[in-house]
């Protein structure tokens, strides 16, 4: 099933934020996959915004990257 454009955009932004945090830590996709307990291809798909992940997987990524939820969600900007 195809995602709605706003959902696809959300996944793309989330993937970009995860990639940004991972690269800032000088961590490989393989290492992140190992810490999260997923296949490296899964990390590639997440970072590309091509995979709608479970909240539990997202939580494991947040712990592995040792960052705030807001850093990954890009939600520090105010709505209005």
PDB file of N, CA and C in Angstrom:
ATOM      1  N   UNK A   1       0.837  -1.176   0.000  1.00  0.00           N
ATOM      2  CA  UNK A   1       0.000   0.000   0.000  1.00  0.00           C
ATOM      3  C   UNK A   1       0.882   1.240   0.000  1.00  0.00           C
ATOM      4  N   UNK A   2       0.619   2.151  -0.892  1.00  0.00           N
ATOM      5  CA  UNK A   2       1.388   3.388  -0.992  1.00  0.00           C
ATOM      6  C   UNK A   2       1.039   4.318   0.168  1.00  0.00           C
ATOM      7  N   UNK A   3       2.026   5.037   0.629  1.00  0.00           N
ATOM      8  CA  UNK A   3       1.818   5.995   1.712  1.00  0.00           C
ATOM      9  C   UNK A   3       1.288   7.311   1.167  1.00  0.00           C
ATOM     10  N   UNK A   4       0.529   7.997   1.986  1.00  0.00           N
ATOM     11  CA  UNK A   4       0.100   9.345   1.651  1.00  0.00           C
ATOM     12  C   UNK A   4       1.342  10.228   1.568  1.00  0.00           C
ATOM     13  N   UNK A   5       1.328  11.263   0.738  1.00  0.00           N
ATOM     14  CA  UNK A   5       2.516  12.118   0.583  1.00  0.00           C
ATOM     15  C   UNK A   5       3.044  12.687   1.895  1.00  0.00           C
ATOM     16  N   UNK A   6       2.160  13.082   2.802  1.00  0.00           N
ATOM     17  CA  UNK A   6       2.649  13.643   4.063  1.00  0.00           C
ATOM     18  C   UNK A   6       3.309  12.574   4.936  1.00  0.00           C
ATOM     19  N   UNK A   7       2.844  11.334   4.845  1.00  0.00           N
ATOM     20  CA  UNK A   7       3.482  10.238   5.586  1.00  0.00           C
ATOM     21  C   UNK A   7       4.829   9.880   4.966  1.00  0.00           C
ATOM     22  N   UNK A   8       4.909   9.886   3.658  1.00  0.00           N
ATOM     23  CA  UNK A   8       6.177   9.611   2.975  1.00  0.00           C
ATOM     24  C   UNK A   8       7.201  10.678   3.342  1.00  0.00           C
ATOM     25  N   UNK A   9       6.758  11.915   3.419  1.00  0.00           N
ATOM     26  CA  UNK A   9       7.642  13.022   3.798  1.00  0.00           C
ATOM     27  C   UNK A   9       8.119  12.856   5.246  1.00  0.00           C
ATOM     28  N   UNK A  10       7.231  12.429   6.115  1.00  0.00           N
ATOM     29  CA  UNK A  10       7.588  12.196   7.509  1.00  0.00           C
ATOM     30  C   UNK A  10       8.667  11.125   7.618  1.00  0.00           C
ATOM     31  N   UNK A  11       8.506  10.023   6.891  1.00  0.00           N
ATOM     32  CA  UNK A  11       9.497   8.951   6.921  1.00  0.00           C
ATOM     33  C   UNK A  11      10.836   9.404   6.334  1.00  0.00           C
ATOM     34  N   UNK A  12      10.784  10.201   5.275  1.00  0.00           N
ATOM     35  CA  UNK A  12      12.019  10.717   4.671  1.00  0.00           C
ATOM     36  C   UNK A  12      12.756  11.625   5.653  1.00  0.00           C
ATOM     37  N   UNK A  13      12.014  12.482   6.346  1.00  0.00           N
ATOM     38  CA  UNK A  13      12.633  13.381   7.322  1.00  0.00           C
ATOM     39  C   UNK A  13      13.197  12.610   8.510  1.00  0.00           C
ATOM     40  N   UNK A  14      12.460  11.617   8.972  1.00  0.00           N
ATOM     41  CA  UNK A  14      12.927  10.796  10.080  1.00  0.00           C
ATOM     42  C   UNK A  14      14.217  10.067   9.689  1.00  0.00           C
ATOM     43  N   UNK A  15      14.234   9.492   8.497  1.00  0.00           N
ATOM     44  CA  UNK A  15      15.431   8.810   8.019  1.00  0.00           C
ATOM     45  C   UNK A  15      16.625   9.730   7.924  1.00  0.00           C
ATOM     46  N   UNK A  16      16.387  10.941   7.451  1.00  0.00           N
ATOM     47  CA  UNK A  16      17.474  11.922   7.341  1.00  0.00           C
ATOM     48  C   UNK A  16      18.012  12.310   8.712  1.00  0.00           C
ATOM     49  N   UNK A  17      17.129  12.444   9.685  1.00  0.00           N
ATOM     50  CA  UNK A  17      17.563  12.790  11.040  1.00  0.00           C
ATOM     51  C   UNK A  17      18.369  11.645  11.655  1.00  0.00           C
ATOM     52  N   UNK A  18      17.916  10.413  11.441  1.00  0.00           N
ATOM     53  CA  UNK A  18      18.648   9.258  11.956  1.00  0.00           C
ATOM     54  C   UNK A  18      20.033   9.206  11.322  1.00  0.00           C
ATOM     55  N   UNK A  19      20.096   9.401  10.013  1.00  0.00           N
ATOM     56  CA  UNK A  19      21.387   9.405   9.325  1.00  0.00           C
ATOM     57  C   UNK A  19      22.287  10.509   9.885  1.00  0.00           C
ATOM     58  N   UNK A  20      21.745  11.706  10.075  1.00  0.00           N
ATOM     59  CA  UNK A  20      22.513  12.839  10.590  1.00  0.00           C
ATOM     60  C   UNK A  20      23.117  12.502  11.954  1.00  0.00           C
ATOM     61  N   UNK A  21      22.313  11.941  12.839  1.00  0.00           N
ATOM     62  CA  UNK A  21      22.806  11.588  14.177  1.00  0.00           C
ATOM     63  C   UNK A  21      23.859  10.483  14.104  1.00  0.00           C
ATOM     64  N   UNK A  22      23.621   9.490  13.272  1.00  0.00           N
ATOM     65  CA  UNK A  22      24.573   8.373  13.135  1.00  0.00           C
ATOM     66  C   UNK A  22      25.917   8.856  12.607  1.00  0.00           C
ATOM     67  N   UNK A  23      25.882   9.675  11.567  1.00  0.00           N
ATOM     68  CA  UNK A  23      27.111  10.191  10.962  1.00  0.00           C
ATOM     69  C   UNK A  23      27.860  11.090  11.950  1.00  0.00           C
ATOM     70  N   UNK A  24      27.123  11.884  12.723  1.00  0.00           N
ATOM     71  CA  UNK A  24      27.758  12.752  13.716  1.00  0.00           C
ATOM     72  C   UNK A  24      28.530  11.925  14.745  1.00  0.00           C
ATOM     73  N   UNK A  25      28.075  10.716  14.987  1.00  0.00           N
ATOM     74  CA  UNK A  25      28.768   9.816  15.918  1.00  0.00           C
ATOM     75  C   UNK A  25      29.855   8.990  15.232  1.00  0.00           C
ATOM     76  N   UNK A  26      30.012   9.195  13.919  1.00  0.00           N
ATOM     77  CA  UNK A  26      30.971   8.423  13.127  1.00  0.00           C
ATOM     78  C   UNK A  26      30.686   6.920  13.241  1.00  0.00           C
ATOM     79  N   UNK A  27      29.390   6.595  13.211  1.00  0.00           N
ATOM     80  CA  UNK A  27      28.929   5.222  13.330  1.00  0.00           C
ATOM     81  C   UNK A  27      28.517   4.707  11.959  1.00  0.00           C
ATOM     82  N   UNK A  28      28.864   3.491  11.651  1.00  0.00           N
ATOM     83  CA  UNK A  28      28.444   2.902  10.381  1.00  0.00           C
ATOM     84  C   UNK A  28      27.001   2.393  10.492  1.00  0.00           C
ATOM     85  N   UNK A  29      26.396   2.191   9.345  1.00  0.00           N
ATOM     86  CA  UNK A  29      25.063   1.593   9.319  1.00  0.00           C
ATOM     87  C   UNK A  29      25.113   0.186   9.904  1.00  0.00           C
ATOM     88  N   UNK A  30      26.197  -0.513   9.651  1.00  0.00           N
ATOM     89  CA  UNK A  30      26.351  -1.869  10.168  1.00  0.00           C
ATOM     90  C   UNK A  30      26.390  -1.874  11.693  1.00  0.00           C
ATOM     91  N   UNK A  31      27.101  -0.910  12.271  1.00  0.00           N
ATOM     92  CA  UNK A  31      27.188  -0.821  13.736  1.00  0.00           C
ATOM     93  C   UNK A  31      25.833  -0.453  14.326  1.00  0.00           C
ATOM     94  N   UNK A  32      25.128   0.485  13.717  1.00  0.00           N
ATOM     95  CA  UNK A  32      23.800   0.855  14.213  1.00  0.00           C
ATOM     96  C   UNK A  32      22.869  -0.351  14.137  1.00  0.00           C
ATOM     97  N   UNK A  33      22.925  -1.073  13.043  1.00  0.00           N
ATOM     98  CA  UNK A  33      22.089  -2.268  12.890  1.00  0.00           C
ATOM     99  C   UNK A  33      22.380  -3.278  13.996  1.00  0.00           C
ATOM    100  N   UNK A  34      23.651  -3.467  14.292  1.00  0.00           N
ATOM    101  CA  UNK A  34      24.050  -4.398  15.349  1.00  0.00           C
ATOM    102  C   UNK A  34      23.490  -3.965  16.702  1.00  0.00           C
ATOM    103  N   UNK A  35      23.596  -2.675  17.018  1.00  0.00           N
ATOM    104  CA  UNK A  35      23.106  -2.166  18.300  1.00  0.00           C
ATOM    105  C   UNK A  35      21.583  -2.246  18.413  1.00  0.00           C
ATOM    106  N   UNK A  36      20.906  -2.064  17.294  1.00  0.00           N
ATOM    107  CA  UNK A  36      19.440  -2.048  17.287  1.00  0.00           C
ATOM    108  C   UNK A  36      18.865  -3.454  17.165  1.00  0.00           C
ATOM    109  N   UNK A  37      19.651  -4.377  16.614  1.00  0.00           N
ATOM    110  CA  UNK A  37      19.181  -5.740  16.439  1.00  0.00           C
ATOM    111  C   UNK A  37      18.405  -5.948  15.156  1.00  0.00           C
ATOM    112  N   UNK A  38      18.835  -5.232  14.105  1.00  0.00           N
ATOM    113  CA  UNK A  38      18.210  -5.379  12.789  1.00  0.00           C
ATOM    114  C   UNK A  38      19.291  -5.641  11.752  1.00  0.00           C
ATOM    115  N   UNK A  39      18.874  -5.960  10.554  1.00  0.00           N
ATOM    116  CA  UNK A  39      19.774  -6.172   9.432  1.00  0.00           C
ATOM    117  C   UNK A  39      20.284  -4.817   8.925  1.00  0.00           C
ATOM    118  N   UNK A  40      21.541  -4.723   8.490  1.00  0.00           N
ATOM    119  CA  UNK A  40      22.033  -3.455   7.935  1.00  0.00           C
ATOM    120  C   UNK A  40      21.159  -2.918   6.798  1.00  0.00           C
ATOM    121  N   UNK A  41      20.583  -3.804   6.008  1.00  0.00           N
ATOM    122  CA  UNK A  41      19.691  -3.364   4.923  1.00  0.00           C
ATOM    123  C   UNK A  41      18.472  -2.631   5.494  1.00  0.00           C
ATOM    124  N   UNK A  42      18.028  -3.041   6.665  1.00  0.00           N
ATOM    125  CA  UNK A  42      16.907  -2.364   7.320  1.00  0.00           C
ATOM    126  C   UNK A  42      17.288  -0.926   7.665  1.00  0.00           C
ATOM    127  N   UNK A  43      18.487  -0.740   8.183  1.00  0.00           N
ATOM    128  CA  UNK A  43      18.958   0.617   8.496  1.00  0.00           C
ATOM    129  C   UNK A  43      19.028   1.441   7.218  1.00  0.00           C
ATOM    130  N   UNK A  44      19.501   0.858   6.138  1.00  0.00           N
ATOM    131  CA  UNK A  44      19.557   1.572   4.856  1.00  0.00           C
ATOM    132  C   UNK A  44      18.167   2.027   4.431  1.00  0.00           C
ATOM    133  N   UNK A  45      17.192   1.136   4.547  1.00  0.00           N
ATOM    134  CA  UNK A  45      15.820   1.471   4.151  1.00  0.00           C
ATOM    135  C   UNK A  45      15.218   2.542   5.059  1.00  0.00           C
ATOM    136  N   UNK A  46      15.505   2.461   6.354  1.00  0.00           N
ATOM    137  CA  UNK A  46      15.002   3.468   7.296  1.00  0.00           C
ATOM    138  C   UNK A  46      15.573   4.831   6.939  1.00  0.00           C
ATOM    139  N   UNK A  47      16.889   4.900   6.751  1.00  0.00           N
ATOM    140  CA  UNK A  47      17.535   6.176   6.444  1.00  0.00           C
ATOM    141  C   UNK A  47      17.091   6.735   5.101  1.00  0.00           C
ATOM    142  N   UNK A  48      16.708   5.861   4.184  1.00  0.00           N
ATOM    143  CA  UNK A  48      16.218   6.307   2.874  1.00  0.00           C
ATOM    144  C   UNK A  48      14.743   6.707   2.926  1.00  0.00           C
ATOM    145  N   UNK A  49      14.101   6.510   4.077  1.00  0.00           N
ATOM    146  CA  UNK A  49      12.691   6.847   4.203  1.00  0.00           C
ATOM    147  C   UNK A  49      11.784   5.869   3.487  1.00  0.00           C
ATOM    148  N   UNK A  50      12.267   4.660   3.265  1.00  0.00           N
ATOM    149  CA  UNK A  50      11.521   3.648   2.513  1.00  0.00           C
ATOM    150  C   UNK A  50      10.869   2.592   3.395  1.00  0.00           C
ATOM    151  N   UNK A  51      11.017   2.725   4.721  1.00  0.00           N
ATOM    152  CA  UNK A  51      10.492   1.710   5.613  1.00  0.00           C
ATOM    153  C   UNK A  51       9.742   2.370   6.763  1.00  0.00           C
ATOM    154  N   UNK A  52       8.505   1.969   6.947  1.00  0.00           N
ATOM    155  CA  UNK A  52       7.684   2.451   8.049  1.00  0.00           C
ATOM    156  C   UNK A  52       7.982   1.550   9.250  1.00  0.00           C
ATOM    157  N   UNK A  53       8.736   2.059  10.205  1.00  0.00           N
ATOM    158  CA  UNK A  53       9.231   1.218  11.297  1.00  0.00           C
ATOM    159  C   UNK A  53       8.299   1.227  12.497  1.00  0.00           C
ATOM    160  N   UNK A  54       8.446   0.200  13.322  1.00  0.00           N
ATOM    161  CA  UNK A  54       7.705   0.115  14.572  1.00  0.00           C
ATOM    162  C   UNK A  54       8.254   1.122  15.578  1.00  0.00           C
ATOM    163  N   UNK A  55       7.410   1.557  16.469  1.00  0.00           N
ATOM    164  CA  UNK A  55       7.840   2.473  17.529  1.00  0.00           C
ATOM    165  C   UNK A  55       8.923   1.821  18.380  1.00  0.00           C
ATOM    166  N   UNK A  56       8.845   0.526  18.591  1.00  0.00           N
ATOM    167  CA  UNK A  56       9.860  -0.156  19.394  1.00  0.00           C
ATOM    168  C   UNK A  56      11.223  -0.144  18.708  1.00  0.00           C
ATOM    169  N   UNK A  57      11.235  -0.267  17.399  1.00  0.00           N
ATOM    170  CA  UNK A  57      12.492  -0.166  16.649  1.00  0.00           C
ATOM    171  C   UNK A  57      13.024   1.255  16.739  1.00  0.00           C
ATOM    172  N   UNK A  58      12.135   2.230  16.599  1.00  0.00           N
ATOM    173  CA  UNK A  58      12.530   3.633  16.717  1.00  0.00           C
ATOM    174  C   UNK A  58      13.130   3.904  18.097  1.00  0.00           C
ATOM    175  N   UNK A  59      12.538   3.329  19.141  1.00  0.00           N
ATOM    176  CA  UNK A  59      13.051   3.509  20.497  1.00  0.00           C
ATOM    177  C   UNK A  59      14.449   2.912  20.637  1.00  0.00           C
ATOM    178  N   UNK A  60      14.683   1.752  20.021  1.00  0.00           N
ATOM    179  CA  UNK A  60      16.018   1.142  20.079  1.00  0.00           C
ATOM    180  C   UNK A  60      17.039   1.989  19.322  1.00  0.00           C
ATOM    181  N   UNK A  61      16.624   2.606  18.227  1.00  0.00           N
ATOM    182  CA  UNK A  61      17.514   3.502  17.475  1.00  0.00           C
ATOM    183  C   UNK A  61      17.865   4.708  18.334  1.00  0.00           C
ATOM    184  N   UNK A  62      16.881   5.272  18.998  1.00  0.00           N
ATOM    185  CA  UNK A  62      17.104   6.441  19.855  1.00  0.00           C
ATOM    186  C   UNK A  62      18.108   6.112  20.958  1.00  0.00           C
ATOM    187  N   UNK A  63      17.987   4.940  21.553  1.00  0.00           N
ATOM    188  CA  UNK A  63      18.925   4.525  22.605  1.00  0.00           C
ATOM    189  C   UNK A  63      20.317   4.310  22.007  1.00  0.00           C
ATOM    190  N   UNK A  64      20.399   3.635  20.871  1.00  0.00           N
ATOM    191  CA  UNK A  64      21.693   3.354  20.237  1.00  0.00           C
ATOM    192  C   UNK A  64      22.424   4.627  19.849  1.00  0.00           C
ATOM    193  N   UNK A  65      21.671   5.635  19.438  1.00  0.00           N
ATOM    194  CA  UNK A  65      22.287   6.902  19.033  1.00  0.00           C
ATOM    195  C   UNK A  65      22.474   7.853  20.218  1.00  0.00           C
ATOM    196  N   UNK A  66      21.923   7.473  21.377  1.00  0.00           N
ATOM    197  CA  UNK A  66      22.054   8.261  22.602  1.00  0.00           C
ATOM    198  C   UNK A  66      21.693   9.728  22.362  1.00  0.00           C
ATOM    199  N   UNK A  67      20.500   9.930  21.812  1.00  0.00           N
ATOM    200  CA  UNK A  67      20.045  11.288  21.541  1.00  0.00           C
ATOM    201  C   UNK A  67      18.602  11.449  22.015  1.00  0.00           C
ATOM    202  N   UNK A  68      18.134  12.675  22.008  1.00  0.00           N
ATOM    203  CA  UNK A  68      16.761  12.958  22.409  1.00  0.00           C
ATOM    204  C   UNK A  68      15.795  12.595  21.293  1.00  0.00           C
ATOM    205  N   UNK A  69      14.570  12.273  21.687  1.00  0.00           N
ATOM    206  CA  UNK A  69      13.514  12.000  20.707  1.00  0.00           C
ATOM    207  C   UNK A  69      13.393  13.184  19.751  1.00  0.00           C
ATOM    208  N   UNK A  70      13.427  14.394  20.309  1.00  0.00           N
ATOM    209  CA  UNK A  70      13.271  15.598  19.483  1.00  0.00           C
ATOM    210  C   UNK A  70      14.342  15.705  18.408  1.00  0.00           C
ATOM    211  N   UNK A  71      15.543  15.217  18.698  1.00  0.00           N
ATOM    212  CA  UNK A  71      16.615  15.260  17.706  1.00  0.00           C
ATOM    213  C   UNK A  71      16.256  14.402  16.492  1.00  0.00           C
ATOM    214  N   UNK A  72      15.620  13.276  16.744  1.00  0.00           N
ATOM    215  CA  UNK A  72      15.253  12.378  15.650  1.00  0.00           C
ATOM    216  C   UNK A  72      13.966  12.797  14.954  1.00  0.00           C
ATOM    217  N   UNK A  73      13.059  13.350  15.716  1.00  0.00           N
ATOM    218  CA  UNK A  73      11.774  13.748  15.137  1.00  0.00           C
ATOM    219  C   UNK A  73      11.832  15.121  14.487  1.00  0.00           C
ATOM    220  N   UNK A  74      12.895  15.872  14.783  1.00  0.00           N
ATOM    221  CA  UNK A  74      12.988  17.224  14.226  1.00  0.00           C
ATOM    222  C   UNK A  74      11.873  18.110  14.737  1.00  0.00           C
ATOM    223  N   UNK A  75      11.428  17.854  15.978  1.00  0.00           N
ATOM    224  CA  UNK A  75      10.265  18.567  16.500  1.00  0.00           C
ATOM    225  C   UNK A  75      10.616  19.743  17.388  1.00  0.00           C
ATOM    226  N   UNK A  76      11.827  20.230  17.291  1.00  0.00           N
ATOM    227  CA  UNK A  76      12.201  21.397  18.098  1.00  0.00           C
ATOM    228  C   UNK A  76      11.615  22.688  17.527  1.00  0.00           C
ATOM    229  N   UNK A  77      11.202  22.630  16.293  1.00  0.00           N
ATOM    230  CA  UNK A  77      10.602  23.835  15.713  1.00  0.00           C
ATOM    231  C   UNK A  77       9.157  23.946  16.190  1.00  0.00           C
ATOM    232  N   UNK A  78       8.700  25.157  16.364  1.00  0.00           N
ATOM    233  CA  UNK A  78       7.351  25.392  16.843  1.00  0.00           C
ATOM    234  C   UNK A  78       6.363  25.423  15.704  1.00  0.00           C
ATOM    235  N   UNK A  79       5.205  24.912  16.004  1.00  0.00           N
ATOM    236  CA  UNK A  79       4.114  24.981  15.021  1.00  0.00           C
ATOM    237  C   UNK A  79       3.427  26.323  15.177  1.00  0.00           C
ATOM    238  N   UNK A  80       2.884  26.790  14.109  1.00  0.00           N
ATOM    239  CA  UNK A  80       2.149  28.028  14.284  1.00  0.00           C
ATOM    240  C   UNK A  80       2.017  28.700  13.029  1.00  0.00           C
TER     241      UNK A  80
END
